[in-house]
Amino acid sequence: MNEITAFVLYFLAFALIHSFLATDNAKERAEKILKSNFRFYRIIYNIISFITAAPAFYVWWISSSSTPVVYNFPEWSHPFLTILQLLAIGLFGYSVFQYDLLEFAGLRKKKIDSKPLTDGVYRIVRHPQYTALIILMFSHNRMTVLDLTAAVLVSVYCIIGAFIEEKRLVSSYGDRYRKYQQEVSMFVPVKWILKRI
């Protein structure tokens, strides 16, 4: 099995497990099995996600340079790409710190009266973490076949995940979230820019 096939298979296994465990059906089954220990479901989910993602990213890490180069950005563009990557890392970090990190990690119970995040960077795009991740995936100075395969698969998974997440948010928050969708773009801050022109 070559590196690209191995990466794709490992990544698809992660994607299927990760997506299944995020469904209401899986959570309901887990609640019946875990009973009072269901409060640990989020941390179990995070650990399983990390374990199942590790093989794909290990293959990518060790094998990327052994696959053919698809493109190289010219050397003069490297400082611009570095700035773009730093902005993406900042966007990702800022958006993560708007969450209750203990709740996100599964170490604190979710508040019953919680509301969707619509402040800070979430006023610019609805999915800043996915936007940042997609930018980071495609802004390498040198892109190999395996890099490009990883970038495409991760990006498609982020986009599908965002649509699934939005269905859940509309189901949970109704018109409040629909209004937010109308006012804020999903990934590219088009609406935010147009408001400022």
C-alpha atoms as a PDB file:
ATOM      1  CA  MET A   1       0.000   0.000   0.000  1.00  0.00           C
ATOM      2  CA  ASN A   2       1.492   3.370  -0.989  1.00  0.00           C
ATOM      3  CA  GLU A   3       1.539   6.489   1.196  1.00  0.00           C
ATOM      4  CA  ILE A   4      -1.397   8.222  -0.464  1.00  0.00           C
ATOM      5  CA  THR A   5      -3.686   5.180  -0.246  1.00  0.00           C
ATOM      6  CA  ALA A   6      -2.661   4.651   3.380  1.00  0.00           C
ATOM      7  CA  PHE A   7      -3.372   8.295   4.244  1.00  0.00           C
ATOM      8  CA  VAL A   8      -6.767   8.267   2.492  1.00  0.00           C
ATOM      9  CA  LEU A   9      -7.862   5.026   4.207  1.00  0.00           C
ATOM     10  CA  TYR A  10      -6.698   6.166   7.652  1.00  0.00           C
ATOM     11  CA  PHE A  11      -8.309   9.579   7.188  1.00  0.00           C
ATOM     12  CA  LEU A  12     -11.621   8.102   5.999  1.00  0.00           C
ATOM     13  CA  ALA A  13     -11.647   5.732   9.004  1.00  0.00           C
ATOM     14  CA  PHE A  14     -11.110   8.735  11.308  1.00  0.00           C
ATOM     15  CA  ALA A  15     -13.800  10.769   9.484  1.00  0.00           C
ATOM     16  CA  LEU A  16     -16.401   7.991   9.746  1.00  0.00           C
ATOM     17  CA  ILE A  17     -15.735   7.302  13.445  1.00  0.00           C
ATOM     18  CA  HIS A  18     -15.526  11.005  14.340  1.00  0.00           C
ATOM     19  CA  SER A  19     -18.741  11.817  12.451  1.00  0.00           C
ATOM     20  CA  PHE A  20     -20.662   8.827  13.844  1.00  0.00           C
ATOM     21  CA  LEU A  21     -19.710   9.623  17.454  1.00  0.00           C
ATOM     22  CA  ALA A  22     -20.942  13.207  16.974  1.00  0.00           C
ATOM     23  CA  THR A  23     -24.453  12.107  15.974  1.00  0.00           C
ATOM     24  CA  ASP A  24     -27.414  12.326  18.342  1.00  0.00           C
ATOM     25  CA  ASN A  25     -28.004   8.593  17.783  1.00  0.00           C
ATOM     26  CA  ALA A  26     -24.504   7.700  19.033  1.00  0.00           C
ATOM     27  CA  LYS A  27     -24.854  10.050  22.003  1.00  0.00           C
ATOM     28  CA  GLU A  28     -28.215   8.524  22.975  1.00  0.00           C
ATOM     29  CA  ARG A  29     -26.742   5.003  22.817  1.00  0.00           C
ATOM     30  CA  ALA A  30     -23.719   6.115  24.851  1.00  0.00           C
ATOM     31  CA  GLU A  31     -25.978   7.709  27.457  1.00  0.00           C
ATOM     32  CA  LYS A  32     -27.851   4.406  27.895  1.00  0.00           C
ATOM     33  CA  ILE A  33     -24.577   2.493  28.279  1.00  0.00           C
ATOM     34  CA  LEU A  34     -22.643   5.027  30.384  1.00  0.00           C
ATOM     35  CA  LYS A  35     -25.625   6.220  32.489  1.00  0.00           C
ATOM     36  CA  SER A  36     -24.256   8.587  35.160  1.00  0.00           C
ATOM     37  CA  ASN A  37     -20.812   8.467  33.541  1.00  0.00           C
ATOM     38  CA  PHE A  38     -22.215  10.042  30.343  1.00  0.00           C
ATOM     39  CA  ARG A  39     -20.771  13.346  31.567  1.00  0.00           C
ATOM     40  CA  PHE A  40     -17.415  11.932  30.403  1.00  0.00           C
ATOM     41  CA  TYR A  41     -18.668  11.361  26.832  1.00  0.00           C
ATOM     42  CA  ARG A  42     -17.095  14.557  25.462  1.00  0.00           C
ATOM     43  CA  ILE A  43     -13.629  13.731  26.818  1.00  0.00           C
ATOM     44  CA  ILE A  44     -13.946  10.107  25.579  1.00  0.00           C
ATOM     45  CA  TYR A  45     -14.990  11.492  22.169  1.00  0.00           C
ATOM     46  CA  ASN A  46     -11.945  13.794  22.085  1.00  0.00           C
ATOM     47  CA  ILE A  47      -9.553  10.983  23.038  1.00  0.00           C
ATOM     48  CA  ILE A  48     -11.012   8.623  20.399  1.00  0.00           C
ATOM     49  CA  SER A  49     -10.807  11.429  17.803  1.00  0.00           C
ATOM     50  CA  PHE A  50      -7.131  11.990  18.579  1.00  0.00           C
ATOM     51  CA  ILE A  51      -6.303   8.263  18.488  1.00  0.00           C
ATOM     52  CA  THR A  52      -8.140   7.659  15.194  1.00  0.00           C
ATOM     53  CA  ALA A  53      -6.657  10.759  13.502  1.00  0.00           C
ATOM     54  CA  ALA A  54      -3.080   9.939  14.560  1.00  0.00           C
ATOM     55  CA  PRO A  55      -2.308   7.215  11.950  1.00  0.00           C
ATOM     56  CA  ALA A  56      -3.349   9.425   8.999  1.00  0.00           C
ATOM     57  CA  PHE A  57      -1.318  12.381  10.189  1.00  0.00           C
ATOM     58  CA  TYR A  58       1.648  10.156  11.033  1.00  0.00           C
ATOM     59  CA  VAL A  59       1.682   8.846   7.427  1.00  0.00           C
ATOM     60  CA  TRP A  60       1.405  12.416   6.152  1.00  0.00           C
ATOM     61  CA  TRP A  61       4.199  13.623   8.444  1.00  0.00           C
ATOM     62  CA  ILE A  62       6.728  10.943   7.504  1.00  0.00           C
ATOM     63  CA  SER A  63       5.823  10.473   3.821  1.00  0.00           C
ATOM     64  CA  SER A  64       4.947  13.901   2.442  1.00  0.00           C
ATOM     65  CA  SER A  65       8.398  14.667   1.036  1.00  0.00           C
ATOM     66  CA  SER A  66       8.635  11.263  -0.681  1.00  0.00           C
ATOM     67  CA  THR A  67       5.704  12.006  -3.016  1.00  0.00           C
ATOM     68  CA  PRO A  68       6.059  14.105  -6.215  1.00  0.00           C
ATOM     69  CA  VAL A  69       5.883  17.914  -5.996  1.00  0.00           C
ATOM     70  CA  VAL A  70       2.693  19.415  -7.463  1.00  0.00           C
ATOM     71  CA  TYR A  71       3.784  23.046  -7.205  1.00  0.00           C
ATOM     72  CA  ASN A  72       6.303  25.347  -5.563  1.00  0.00           C
ATOM     73  CA  PHE A  73       5.411  28.936  -4.786  1.00  0.00           C
ATOM     74  CA  PRO A  74       8.134  31.324  -5.994  1.00  0.00           C
ATOM     75  CA  GLU A  75      10.612  32.393  -3.332  1.00  0.00           C
ATOM     76  CA  TRP A  76       9.479  36.045  -3.404  1.00  0.00           C
ATOM     77  CA  SER A  77       6.010  34.926  -2.216  1.00  0.00           C
ATOM     78  CA  HIS A  78       7.263  33.062   0.892  1.00  0.00           C
ATOM     79  CA  PRO A  79       7.058  36.095   3.247  1.00  0.00           C
ATOM     80  CA  PHE A  80       3.437  36.679   2.147  1.00  0.00           C
ATOM     81  CA  LEU A  81       2.597  33.010   2.709  1.00  0.00           C
ATOM     82  CA  THR A  82       4.192  33.185   6.167  1.00  0.00           C
ATOM     83  CA  ILE A  83       2.067  36.236   7.032  1.00  0.00           C
ATOM     84  CA  LEU A  84      -1.040  34.442   5.732  1.00  0.00           C
ATOM     85  CA  GLN A  85      -0.206  31.380   7.865  1.00  0.00           C
ATOM     86  CA  LEU A  86       0.373  33.528  10.969  1.00  0.00           C
ATOM     87  CA  LEU A  87      -2.978  35.270  10.411  1.00  0.00           C
ATOM     88  CA  ALA A  88      -4.674  31.864  10.052  1.00  0.00           C
ATOM     89  CA  ILE A  89      -3.034  30.621  13.274  1.00  0.00           C
ATOM     90  CA  GLY A  90      -4.164  33.825  15.027  1.00  0.00           C
ATOM     91  CA  LEU A  91      -7.705  33.383  13.697  1.00  0.00           C
ATOM     92  CA  PHE A  92      -7.764  29.766  14.865  1.00  0.00           C
ATOM     93  CA  GLY A  93      -6.347  30.598  18.293  1.00  0.00           C
ATOM     94  CA  TYR A  94      -8.655  33.549  18.870  1.00  0.00           C
ATOM     95  CA  SER A  95     -11.723  31.531  17.901  1.00  0.00           C
ATOM     96  CA  VAL A  96     -10.724  28.611  20.151  1.00  0.00           C
ATOM     97  CA  PHE A  97     -10.264  30.895  23.161  1.00  0.00           C
ATOM     98  CA  GLN A  98     -13.798  32.230  22.734  1.00  0.00           C
ATOM     99  CA  TYR A  99     -15.016  28.775  23.797  1.00  0.00           C
ATOM    100  CA  ASP A 100     -15.180  27.516  27.332  1.00  0.00           C
ATOM    101  CA  LEU A 101     -12.145  25.257  26.818  1.00  0.00           C
ATOM    102  CA  LEU A 102     -12.932  23.028  29.799  1.00  0.00           C
ATOM    103  CA  GLU A 103     -16.447  22.470  28.441  1.00  0.00           C
ATOM    104  CA  PHE A 104     -15.095  21.864  24.915  1.00  0.00           C
ATOM    105  CA  ALA A 105     -12.572  19.312  26.234  1.00  0.00           C
ATOM    106  CA  GLY A 106     -15.293  17.521  28.182  1.00  0.00           C
ATOM    107  CA  LEU A 107     -13.943  18.494  31.597  1.00  0.00           C
ATOM    108  CA  ARG A 108     -16.912  20.713  32.507  1.00  0.00           C
ATOM    109  CA  LYS A 109     -20.626  20.065  31.968  1.00  0.00           C
ATOM    110  CA  LYS A 110     -22.276  22.101  29.195  1.00  0.00           C
ATOM    111  CA  LYS A 111     -24.504  24.916  30.466  1.00  0.00           C
ATOM    112  CA  ILE A 112     -28.212  24.330  29.871  1.00  0.00           C
ATOM    113  CA  ASP A 113     -28.825  27.967  28.853  1.00  0.00           C
ATOM    114  CA  SER A 114     -25.856  28.090  26.474  1.00  0.00           C
ATOM    115  CA  LYS A 115     -26.131  30.165  23.291  1.00  0.00           C
ATOM    116  CA  PRO A 116     -24.306  29.988  19.959  1.00  0.00           C
ATOM    117  CA  LEU A 117     -21.066  31.909  19.582  1.00  0.00           C
ATOM    118  CA  THR A 118     -21.769  35.041  17.536  1.00  0.00           C
ATOM    119  CA  ASP A 119     -19.320  37.549  19.059  1.00  0.00           C
ATOM    120  CA  GLY A 120     -15.685  38.384  18.418  1.00  0.00           C
ATOM    121  CA  VAL A 121     -14.269  36.643  15.369  1.00  0.00           C
ATOM    122  CA  TYR A 122     -17.624  34.882  14.908  1.00  0.00           C
ATOM    123  CA  ARG A 123     -18.992  38.238  13.691  1.00  0.00           C
ATOM    124  CA  ILE A 124     -16.652  37.950  10.695  1.00  0.00           C
ATOM    125  CA  VAL A 125     -17.237  34.308   9.677  1.00  0.00           C
ATOM    126  CA  ARG A 126     -19.424  31.583  11.168  1.00  0.00           C
ATOM    127  CA  HIS A 127     -16.673  28.925  11.075  1.00  0.00           C
ATOM    128  CA  PRO A 128     -13.352  30.683  11.763  1.00  0.00           C
ATOM    129  CA  GLN A 129     -11.568  27.486  12.838  1.00  0.00           C
ATOM    130  CA  TYR A 130     -12.408  25.729   9.580  1.00  0.00           C
ATOM    131  CA  THR A 131     -11.466  28.837   7.567  1.00  0.00           C
ATOM    132  CA  ALA A 132      -8.109  28.993   9.339  1.00  0.00           C
ATOM    133  CA  LEU A 133      -7.472  25.275   8.872  1.00  0.00           C
ATOM    134  CA  ILE A 134      -8.241  25.410   5.135  1.00  0.00           C
ATOM    135  CA  ILE A 135      -5.898  28.405   4.707  1.00  0.00           C
ATOM    136  CA  LEU A 136      -3.141  26.572   6.567  1.00  0.00           C
ATOM    137  CA  MET A 137      -3.619  23.424   4.501  1.00  0.00           C
ATOM    138  CA  PHE A 138      -3.195  25.236   1.171  1.00  0.00           C
ATOM    139  CA  SER A 139      -0.538  27.833   2.046  1.00  0.00           C
ATOM    140  CA  HIS A 140       2.559  25.614   2.075  1.00  0.00           C
ATOM    141  CA  ASN A 141       5.513  26.946   0.086  1.00  0.00           C
ATOM    142  CA  ARG A 142       5.872  23.518  -1.503  1.00  0.00           C
ATOM    143  CA  MET A 143       2.921  21.223  -2.135  1.00  0.00           C
ATOM    144  CA  THR A 144       3.457  17.526  -2.784  1.00  0.00           C
ATOM    145  CA  VAL A 145       0.839  15.040  -4.000  1.00  0.00           C
ATOM    146  CA  LEU A 146       0.326  13.809  -0.431  1.00  0.00           C
ATOM    147  CA  ASP A 147       0.102  17.402   0.881  1.00  0.00           C
ATOM    148  CA  LEU A 148      -2.531  18.219  -1.732  1.00  0.00           C
ATOM    149  CA  THR A 149      -4.466  15.011  -0.992  1.00  0.00           C
ATOM    150  CA  ALA A 150      -4.467  15.875   2.718  1.00  0.00           C
ATOM    151  CA  ALA A 151      -5.460  19.496   2.042  1.00  0.00           C
ATOM    152  CA  VAL A 152      -8.397  18.478  -0.154  1.00  0.00           C
ATOM    153  CA  LEU A 153      -9.676  15.742   2.202  1.00  0.00           C
ATOM    154  CA  VAL A 154      -9.373  17.880   5.343  1.00  0.00           C
ATOM    155  CA  SER A 155     -11.035  20.848   3.602  1.00  0.00           C
ATOM    156  CA  VAL A 156     -13.933  18.758   2.273  1.00  0.00           C
ATOM    157  CA  TYR A 157     -14.385  17.229   5.732  1.00  0.00           C
ATOM    158  CA  CYS A 158     -14.419  20.712   7.326  1.00  0.00           C
ATOM    159  CA  ILE A 159     -17.008  21.976   4.823  1.00  0.00           C
ATOM    160  CA  ILE A 160     -19.277  18.936   5.268  1.00  0.00           C
ATOM    161  CA  GLY A 161     -18.830  19.188   9.041  1.00  0.00           C
ATOM    162  CA  ALA A 162     -19.803  22.858   8.988  1.00  0.00           C
ATOM    163  CA  PHE A 163     -23.062  22.127   7.139  1.00  0.00           C
ATOM    164  CA  ILE A 164     -23.918  19.298   9.547  1.00  0.00           C
ATOM    165  CA  GLU A 165     -23.070  21.495  12.539  1.00  0.00           C
ATOM    166  CA  GLU A 166     -25.275  24.290  11.172  1.00  0.00           C
ATOM    167  CA  LYS A 167     -28.268  21.939  10.897  1.00  0.00           C
ATOM    168  CA  ARG A 168     -27.793  21.060  14.562  1.00  0.00           C
ATOM    169  CA  LEU A 169     -27.444  24.751  15.526  1.00  0.00           C
ATOM    170  CA  VAL A 170     -30.606  25.705  13.618  1.00  0.00           C
ATOM    171  CA  SER A 171     -32.396  22.823  15.353  1.00  0.00           C
ATOM    172  CA  SER A 172     -31.157  24.024  18.761  1.00  0.00           C
ATOM    173  CA  TYR A 173     -31.474  27.809  18.385  1.00  0.00           C
ATOM    174  CA  GLY A 174     -34.044  28.275  15.600  1.00  0.00           C
ATOM    175  CA  ASP A 175     -34.616  31.806  14.298  1.00  0.00           C
ATOM    176  CA  ARG A 176     -31.798  33.253  16.396  1.00  0.00           C
ATOM    177  CA  TYR A 177     -29.284  31.163  14.433  1.00  0.00           C
ATOM    178  CA  ARG A 178     -31.063  31.681  11.085  1.00  0.00           C
ATOM    179  CA  LYS A 179     -30.737  35.457  11.557  1.00  0.00           C
ATOM    180  CA  TYR A 180     -27.037  34.996  12.333  1.00  0.00           C
ATOM    181  CA  GLN A 181     -26.647  32.933   9.120  1.00  0.00           C
ATOM    182  CA  GLN A 182     -28.197  35.778   7.112  1.00  0.00           C
ATOM    183  CA  GLU A 183     -25.840  38.364   8.603  1.00  0.00           C
ATOM    184  CA  VAL A 184     -22.513  36.476   8.654  1.00  0.00           C
ATOM    185  CA  SER A 185     -20.793  34.485   5.872  1.00  0.00           C
ATOM    186  CA  MET A 186     -19.868  30.852   6.425  1.00  0.00           C
ATOM    187  CA  PHE A 187     -16.120  30.774   5.580  1.00  0.00           C
ATOM    188  CA  VAL A 188     -15.135  33.819   3.494  1.00  0.00           C
ATOM    189  CA  PRO A 189     -15.993  37.167   5.166  1.00  0.00           C
ATOM    190  CA  VAL A 190     -17.896  38.579   2.166  1.00  0.00           C
ATOM    191  CA  LYS A 191     -20.833  39.981   4.184  1.00  0.00           C
ATOM    192  CA  TRP A 192     -18.486  41.487   6.783  1.00  0.00           C
ATOM    193  CA  ILE A 193     -16.440  43.215   4.033  1.00  0.00           C
ATOM    194  CA  LEU A 194     -19.560  44.468   2.194  1.00  0.00           C
ATOM    195  CA  LYS A 195     -20.858  46.069   5.413  1.00  0.00           C
ATOM    196  CA  ARG A 196     -17.633  48.084   5.612  1.00  0.00           C
ATOM    197  CA  ILE A 197     -17.528  49.348   2.031  1.00  0.00           C
END
